Amino acid sequence: MLRNGRAPKGTREAVGEEFRQIIDACRGQQGEELRENVKELQRKFENAWEDGGEAKRELNAFLERYV
């Protein structure tokens, strides 16, 4: 698979190198952006079933239309 333009090597060293790159990215700016995105999703999910929340509104709209 050439998702990043490189052919897979399949060696232990290559896997270890890729793993370290991912960990380093998660500790840097990219990781911070991912954490902020997850926090925003968490807020949306927490509020989805509250009164007036998106999930509750959509369910009620569905029930009114089809039930």
Protein backbone atom coordinates (compact mmCIF):
# COMPACT_ATOMS: atom_id res chain seq x y z
CA MET A 1 0.00 0.00 0.00
CA LEU A 2 1.43 3.38 -0.97
CA ARG A 3 -0.63 5.77 1.16
CA ASN A 4 2.42 7.88 1.90
CA GLY A 5 4.28 7.26 -1.37
CA ARG A 6 6.65 4.68 0.11
CA ALA A 7 6.57 0.94 -0.40
CA PRO A 8 6.29 -1.07 2.84
CA LYS A 9 9.49 -2.74 4.02
CA GLY A 10 7.96 -5.06 6.59
CA THR A 11 11.09 -5.23 8.73
CA ARG A 12 11.12 -4.87 12.50
CA GLU A 13 13.30 -1.78 12.15
CA ALA A 14 10.86 -0.14 9.71
CA VAL A 15 7.90 -0.87 11.96
CA GLY A 16 9.78 0.49 14.96
CA GLU A 17 10.72 3.65 13.05
CA GLU A 18 7.14 4.26 11.96
CA PHE A 19 5.89 3.65 15.50
CA ARG A 20 8.37 6.22 16.87
CA GLN A 21 7.31 8.74 14.22
CA ILE A 22 3.67 8.34 15.22
CA ILE A 23 4.47 8.76 18.92
CA ASP A 24 6.57 11.85 18.18
CA ALA A 25 3.76 13.33 16.07
CA CYS A 26 1.25 12.72 18.87
CA ARG A 27 3.49 14.59 21.29
CA GLY A 28 3.83 17.59 18.98
CA GLN A 29 1.55 20.08 17.26
CA GLN A 30 -0.34 17.37 15.37
CA GLY A 31 -1.16 15.62 18.63
CA GLU A 32 -2.40 18.85 20.16
CA GLU A 33 -4.72 19.41 17.21
CA LEU A 34 -6.04 15.85 17.48
CA ARG A 35 -6.70 16.28 21.20
CA GLU A 36 -8.59 19.54 20.60
CA ASN A 37 -10.73 17.86 17.92
CA VAL A 38 -11.54 14.99 20.27
CA LYS A 39 -12.48 17.41 23.06
CA GLU A 40 -14.89 19.18 20.69
CA LEU A 41 -16.47 15.86 19.70
CA GLN A 42 -16.76 14.94 23.37
CA ARG A 43 -18.64 18.19 24.08
CA LYS A 44 -20.99 17.53 21.16
CA PHE A 45 -21.71 13.97 22.30
CA GLU A 46 -22.27 15.07 25.90
CA ASN A 47 -24.90 17.59 24.80
CA ALA A 48 -26.54 15.52 22.05
CA TRP A 49 -29.19 13.92 24.29
CA GLU A 50 -29.86 16.93 26.50
CA ASP A 51 -33.13 18.83 26.00
CA GLY A 52 -32.70 20.67 22.73
CA GLY A 53 -29.65 18.59 21.83
CA GLU A 54 -29.06 17.55 18.24
CA ALA A 55 -29.69 13.82 18.73
CA LYS A 56 -32.86 14.40 20.69
CA ARG A 57 -34.21 16.87 18.11
CA GLU A 58 -33.46 14.50 15.23
CA LEU A 59 -35.08 11.54 17.00
CA ASN A 60 -38.19 13.57 17.76
CA ALA A 61 -38.37 14.79 14.16
CA PHE A 62 -38.09 11.20 12.94
CA LEU A 63 -40.79 9.97 15.32
CA GLU A 64 -43.15 12.79 14.36
CA ARG A 65 -42.72 12.03 10.69
CA TYR A 66 -42.88 8.22 10.72
CA VAL A 67 -44.79 7.20 13.82
